[in-house]
């Protein structure tokens, strides 16, 4: 679980030998921001409190995952709190990458 004090930090899954889960804090302080970059071919999931994540085509998501085989490395996500929800800005390494929003 990430801490509010980690705001502004850059996280990767470098060296991971299995799935990595980053959990966003429940705090909703405007401007808290984290950056994630996938550097290893392992599943990466970013989770938020239920219904508090805004990601592609879903204003009340709980997670954003990169799990599609051969479509992980190079993707990055900036997650920023607007005071009420976490806003995910996904930057794909390739147009063929497929994040899963749920």
N, C-alpha and C. Protein backbone atom coordinates (compact mmCIF):
# COMPACT_ATOMS: atom_id res chain seq x y z
N UNK A 1 0.84 -1.18 0.00
CA UNK A 1 0.00 0.00 0.00
C UNK A 1 0.88 1.24 0.00
N UNK A 2 0.56 2.15 -0.91
CA UNK A 2 1.32 3.38 -0.99
C UNK A 2 0.88 4.33 0.12
N UNK A 3 1.78 5.21 0.50
CA UNK A 3 1.50 6.19 1.54
C UNK A 3 1.36 7.57 0.92
N UNK A 4 0.64 8.45 1.59
CA UNK A 4 0.53 9.82 1.11
C UNK A 4 1.91 10.43 0.96
N UNK A 5 2.81 10.10 1.88
CA UNK A 5 4.18 10.60 1.82
C UNK A 5 4.97 10.12 0.61
N UNK A 6 4.46 9.11 -0.09
CA UNK A 6 5.10 8.61 -1.31
C UNK A 6 4.71 9.45 -2.53
N UNK A 7 3.82 10.43 -2.34
CA UNK A 7 3.37 11.26 -3.45
C UNK A 7 4.57 11.83 -4.20
N UNK A 8 4.50 11.82 -5.52
CA UNK A 8 5.59 12.29 -6.35
C UNK A 8 6.61 11.22 -6.69
N UNK A 9 6.42 10.03 -6.13
CA UNK A 9 7.37 8.94 -6.36
C UNK A 9 7.10 8.22 -7.67
N UNK A 10 8.14 7.56 -8.14
CA UNK A 10 8.14 6.80 -9.38
C UNK A 10 8.34 5.34 -9.03
N UNK A 11 7.42 4.48 -9.43
CA UNK A 11 7.49 3.06 -9.09
C UNK A 11 7.60 2.21 -10.36
N UNK A 12 8.40 1.13 -10.29
CA UNK A 12 8.50 0.18 -11.39
C UNK A 12 8.35 -1.23 -10.82
N UNK A 13 8.28 -2.18 -11.72
CA UNK A 13 8.31 -3.58 -11.29
C UNK A 13 9.64 -4.24 -11.68
N UNK A 14 10.66 -3.44 -11.83
CA UNK A 14 12.00 -3.94 -12.16
C UNK A 14 12.41 -5.02 -11.18
N UNK A 15 12.86 -6.15 -11.71
CA UNK A 15 13.31 -7.26 -10.88
C UNK A 15 12.20 -8.17 -10.37
N UNK A 16 10.96 -7.83 -10.68
CA UNK A 16 9.85 -8.67 -10.20
C UNK A 16 9.89 -10.04 -10.86
N UNK A 17 9.64 -11.07 -10.05
CA UNK A 17 9.58 -12.44 -10.57
C UNK A 17 8.15 -12.98 -10.49
N UNK A 18 7.23 -12.10 -10.16
CA UNK A 18 5.82 -12.45 -10.08
C UNK A 18 4.99 -11.19 -10.17
N UNK A 19 3.70 -11.35 -10.03
CA UNK A 19 2.77 -10.22 -10.13
C UNK A 19 3.05 -9.18 -9.05
N UNK A 20 2.82 -7.91 -9.40
CA UNK A 20 3.00 -6.80 -8.47
C UNK A 20 1.68 -6.06 -8.36
N UNK A 21 1.27 -5.77 -7.13
CA UNK A 21 0.05 -5.01 -6.89
C UNK A 21 0.42 -3.75 -6.12
N UNK A 22 0.06 -2.60 -6.67
CA UNK A 22 0.22 -1.32 -5.99
C UNK A 22 -1.16 -0.90 -5.51
N UNK A 23 -1.30 -0.59 -4.23
CA UNK A 23 -2.59 -0.19 -3.67
C UNK A 23 -2.56 1.28 -3.30
N UNK A 24 -3.48 2.04 -3.89
CA UNK A 24 -3.57 3.47 -3.61
C UNK A 24 -4.18 3.69 -2.24
N UNK A 25 -3.76 4.73 -1.53
CA UNK A 25 -4.32 4.98 -0.20
C UNK A 25 -5.76 5.49 -0.27
N UNK A 26 -6.47 5.37 0.83
CA UNK A 26 -7.86 5.84 0.91
C UNK A 26 -7.92 7.36 1.00
N UNK A 27 -6.84 8.01 1.43
CA UNK A 27 -6.85 9.45 1.54
C UNK A 27 -7.18 10.10 0.21
N UNK A 28 -7.89 11.19 0.26
CA UNK A 28 -8.28 11.87 -0.97
C UNK A 28 -7.81 13.32 -0.95
N UNK A 29 -6.54 13.52 -0.69
CA UNK A 29 -5.97 14.87 -0.72
C UNK A 29 -5.67 15.26 -2.16
N UNK A 30 -6.20 16.38 -2.59
CA UNK A 30 -5.98 16.85 -3.95
C UNK A 30 -4.49 16.98 -4.23
N UNK A 31 -4.07 16.49 -5.39
CA UNK A 31 -2.70 16.64 -5.83
C UNK A 31 -1.77 15.49 -5.51
N UNK A 32 -2.20 14.52 -4.71
CA UNK A 32 -1.35 13.35 -4.47
C UNK A 32 -1.17 12.66 -5.82
N UNK A 33 0.06 12.29 -6.15
CA UNK A 33 0.32 11.72 -7.47
C UNK A 33 1.42 10.67 -7.40
N UNK A 34 1.22 9.59 -8.16
CA UNK A 34 2.20 8.51 -8.26
C UNK A 34 2.37 8.18 -9.74
N UNK A 35 3.58 7.78 -10.11
CA UNK A 35 3.86 7.35 -11.48
C UNK A 35 4.35 5.90 -11.44
N UNK A 36 3.83 5.09 -12.36
CA UNK A 36 4.18 3.67 -12.44
C UNK A 36 4.68 3.37 -13.85
N UNK A 37 5.76 2.59 -13.95
CA UNK A 37 6.29 2.16 -15.24
C UNK A 37 6.53 0.67 -15.19
N UNK A 38 6.02 -0.04 -16.18
CA UNK A 38 6.20 -1.49 -16.24
C UNK A 38 7.46 -1.79 -17.02
N UNK A 39 8.42 -2.41 -16.33
CA UNK A 39 9.73 -2.70 -16.93
C UNK A 39 10.04 -4.18 -17.01
N UNK A 40 9.21 -5.01 -16.38
CA UNK A 40 9.41 -6.46 -16.40
C UNK A 40 8.12 -7.12 -16.90
N UNK A 41 8.25 -8.22 -17.58
CA UNK A 41 7.09 -8.90 -18.16
C UNK A 41 6.34 -9.69 -17.09
N UNK A 42 5.86 -8.96 -16.10
CA UNK A 42 5.05 -9.54 -15.02
C UNK A 42 3.76 -8.73 -14.91
N UNK A 43 2.70 -9.36 -14.45
CA UNK A 43 1.43 -8.66 -14.27
C UNK A 43 1.59 -7.52 -13.26
N UNK A 44 0.98 -6.39 -13.56
CA UNK A 44 0.96 -5.25 -12.65
C UNK A 44 -0.48 -4.78 -12.52
N UNK A 45 -0.91 -4.60 -11.26
CA UNK A 45 -2.26 -4.10 -10.98
C UNK A 45 -2.15 -2.92 -10.04
N UNK A 46 -2.92 -1.89 -10.34
CA UNK A 46 -3.04 -0.73 -9.46
C UNK A 46 -4.46 -0.76 -8.93
N UNK A 47 -4.61 -0.82 -7.61
CA UNK A 47 -5.95 -0.89 -7.02
C UNK A 47 -6.23 0.38 -6.22
N UNK A 48 -7.51 0.69 -6.12
CA UNK A 48 -7.98 1.85 -5.37
C UNK A 48 -9.14 1.41 -4.49
N UNK A 49 -9.54 2.24 -3.54
CA UNK A 49 -10.76 1.93 -2.81
C UNK A 49 -11.92 1.76 -3.80
N UNK A 50 -12.88 0.93 -3.49
CA UNK A 50 -13.99 0.60 -4.40
C UNK A 50 -14.63 1.83 -5.01
N UNK A 51 -14.68 1.83 -6.34
CA UNK A 51 -15.36 2.89 -7.08
C UNK A 51 -14.64 4.22 -7.12
N UNK A 52 -13.38 4.27 -6.70
CA UNK A 52 -12.67 5.55 -6.60
C UNK A 52 -11.62 5.78 -7.68
N UNK A 53 -11.56 4.92 -8.70
CA UNK A 53 -10.57 5.05 -9.75
C UNK A 53 -11.27 5.40 -11.06
N UNK A 54 -10.80 6.46 -11.72
CA UNK A 54 -11.32 6.84 -13.03
C UNK A 54 -10.28 6.42 -14.06
N UNK A 55 -10.68 5.51 -14.93
CA UNK A 55 -9.79 5.03 -15.99
C UNK A 55 -10.62 4.88 -17.25
N UNK A 56 -9.99 4.52 -18.34
CA UNK A 56 -10.66 4.48 -19.63
C UNK A 56 -12.06 3.89 -19.56
N UNK A 57 -13.04 4.70 -19.92
CA UNK A 57 -14.44 4.28 -20.05
C UNK A 57 -15.07 3.77 -18.75
N UNK A 58 -14.50 4.13 -17.60
CA UNK A 58 -15.06 3.69 -16.32
C UNK A 58 -14.78 4.75 -15.26
N UNK A 59 -15.83 5.42 -14.79
CA UNK A 59 -15.69 6.50 -13.81
C UNK A 59 -15.74 5.99 -12.37
N UNK A 60 -15.95 4.70 -12.19
CA UNK A 60 -16.04 4.14 -10.84
C UNK A 60 -15.35 2.78 -10.76
N UNK A 61 -14.13 2.73 -11.27
CA UNK A 61 -13.37 1.48 -11.27
C UNK A 61 -12.72 1.24 -9.91
N UNK A 62 -12.21 0.05 -9.75
CA UNK A 62 -11.47 -0.31 -8.55
C UNK A 62 -10.04 -0.73 -8.87
N UNK A 63 -9.79 -1.12 -10.13
CA UNK A 63 -8.43 -1.53 -10.48
C UNK A 63 -8.12 -1.28 -11.95
N UNK A 64 -6.83 -1.20 -12.21
CA UNK A 64 -6.29 -1.07 -13.55
C UNK A 64 -5.16 -2.08 -13.62
N UNK A 65 -5.25 -3.01 -14.57
CA UNK A 65 -4.27 -4.10 -14.61
C UNK A 65 -3.65 -4.25 -16.00
N UNK A 66 -2.39 -4.61 -15.99
CA UNK A 66 -1.66 -4.95 -17.21
C UNK A 66 -1.31 -6.43 -17.09
N UNK A 67 -2.08 -7.28 -17.77
CA UNK A 67 -1.92 -8.72 -17.63
C UNK A 67 -1.87 -9.46 -18.97
N UNK A 68 -2.05 -8.75 -20.07
CA UNK A 68 -2.06 -9.40 -21.37
C UNK A 68 -0.64 -9.79 -21.77
N UNK A 69 -0.43 -11.06 -22.06
CA UNK A 69 0.89 -11.56 -22.42
C UNK A 69 1.50 -10.74 -23.55
N UNK A 70 2.75 -10.39 -23.41
CA UNK A 70 3.54 -9.63 -24.38
C UNK A 70 3.03 -8.21 -24.59
N UNK A 71 2.22 -7.68 -23.67
CA UNK A 71 1.71 -6.31 -23.81
C UNK A 71 1.87 -5.53 -22.51
N UNK A 72 2.96 -5.77 -21.80
CA UNK A 72 3.14 -5.12 -20.50
C UNK A 72 4.27 -4.10 -20.50
N UNK A 73 5.45 -4.51 -20.91
CA UNK A 73 6.64 -3.67 -20.81
C UNK A 73 6.46 -2.39 -21.62
N UNK A 74 6.80 -1.28 -20.97
CA UNK A 74 6.75 0.02 -21.63
C UNK A 74 5.52 0.85 -21.30
N UNK A 75 4.51 0.24 -20.72
CA UNK A 75 3.32 1.00 -20.34
C UNK A 75 3.64 1.79 -19.07
N UNK A 76 3.02 2.95 -18.96
CA UNK A 76 3.17 3.72 -17.73
C UNK A 76 1.82 4.34 -17.37
N UNK A 77 1.68 4.67 -16.10
CA UNK A 77 0.44 5.24 -15.59
C UNK A 77 0.79 6.32 -14.59
N UNK A 78 0.16 7.48 -14.75
CA UNK A 78 0.24 8.53 -13.75
C UNK A 78 -1.12 8.57 -13.08
N UNK A 79 -1.15 8.44 -11.76
CA UNK A 79 -2.41 8.44 -11.01
C UNK A 79 -2.39 9.66 -10.09
N UNK A 80 -3.41 10.51 -10.25
CA UNK A 80 -3.50 11.75 -9.49
C UNK A 80 -4.83 11.83 -8.76
N UNK A 81 -4.82 12.29 -7.54
CA UNK A 81 -6.05 12.45 -6.77
C UNK A 81 -6.63 13.85 -7.02
N UNK A 82 -7.92 13.91 -7.33
CA UNK A 82 -8.58 15.20 -7.55
C UNK A 82 -9.34 15.68 -6.31
N UNK A 83 -9.16 14.99 -5.21
CA UNK A 83 -9.84 15.34 -3.97
C UNK A 83 -10.97 14.39 -3.64
N UNK A 84 -11.44 13.66 -4.64
CA UNK A 84 -12.52 12.70 -4.43
C UNK A 84 -12.20 11.34 -5.03
N UNK A 85 -11.52 11.35 -6.19
CA UNK A 85 -11.21 10.10 -6.89
C UNK A 85 -9.77 10.12 -7.38
N UNK A 86 -9.30 8.95 -7.78
CA UNK A 86 -7.99 8.78 -8.39
C UNK A 86 -8.17 8.77 -9.90
N UNK A 87 -7.47 9.65 -10.60
CA UNK A 87 -7.56 9.76 -12.05
C UNK A 87 -6.34 9.08 -12.66
N UNK A 88 -6.57 8.06 -13.48
CA UNK A 88 -5.48 7.30 -14.11
C UNK A 88 -5.26 7.81 -15.53
N UNK A 89 -4.03 8.22 -15.80
CA UNK A 89 -3.64 8.64 -17.14
C UNK A 89 -2.69 7.57 -17.67
N UNK A 90 -3.21 6.70 -18.52
CA UNK A 90 -2.43 5.58 -19.04
C UNK A 90 -1.66 6.02 -20.27
N UNK A 91 -0.38 5.69 -20.30
CA UNK A 91 0.47 5.98 -21.45
C UNK A 91 1.02 4.65 -21.93
N UNK A 92 0.51 4.20 -23.04
CA UNK A 92 0.89 2.89 -23.55
C UNK A 92 2.20 2.95 -24.31
N UNK A 93 3.00 1.92 -24.17
CA UNK A 93 4.25 1.81 -24.89
C UNK A 93 4.02 1.49 -26.35
N UNK A 94 2.84 1.00 -26.67
CA UNK A 94 2.47 0.64 -28.03
C UNK A 94 0.95 0.66 -28.13
N UNK A 95 0.45 0.95 -29.29
CA UNK A 95 -1.01 0.98 -29.46
C UNK A 95 -1.66 -0.38 -29.30
N UNK A 96 -0.85 -1.45 -29.24
CA UNK A 96 -1.42 -2.79 -29.10
C UNK A 96 -1.49 -3.24 -27.64
N UNK A 97 -1.04 -2.41 -26.71
CA UNK A 97 -1.14 -2.80 -25.29
C UNK A 97 -2.59 -2.68 -24.83
N UNK A 98 -2.98 -3.60 -23.95
CA UNK A 98 -4.38 -3.67 -23.52
C UNK A 98 -4.48 -3.69 -22.01
N UNK A 99 -4.65 -2.53 -21.37
CA UNK A 99 -4.91 -2.56 -19.92
C UNK A 99 -6.34 -2.99 -19.63
N UNK A 100 -6.55 -3.60 -18.50
CA UNK A 100 -7.89 -4.04 -18.10
C UNK A 100 -8.38 -3.16 -16.97
N UNK A 101 -9.51 -2.51 -17.17
CA UNK A 101 -10.11 -1.66 -16.16
C UNK A 101 -11.30 -2.39 -15.56
N UNK A 102 -11.32 -2.49 -14.25
CA UNK A 102 -12.47 -3.15 -13.61
C UNK A 102 -12.77 -2.51 -12.28
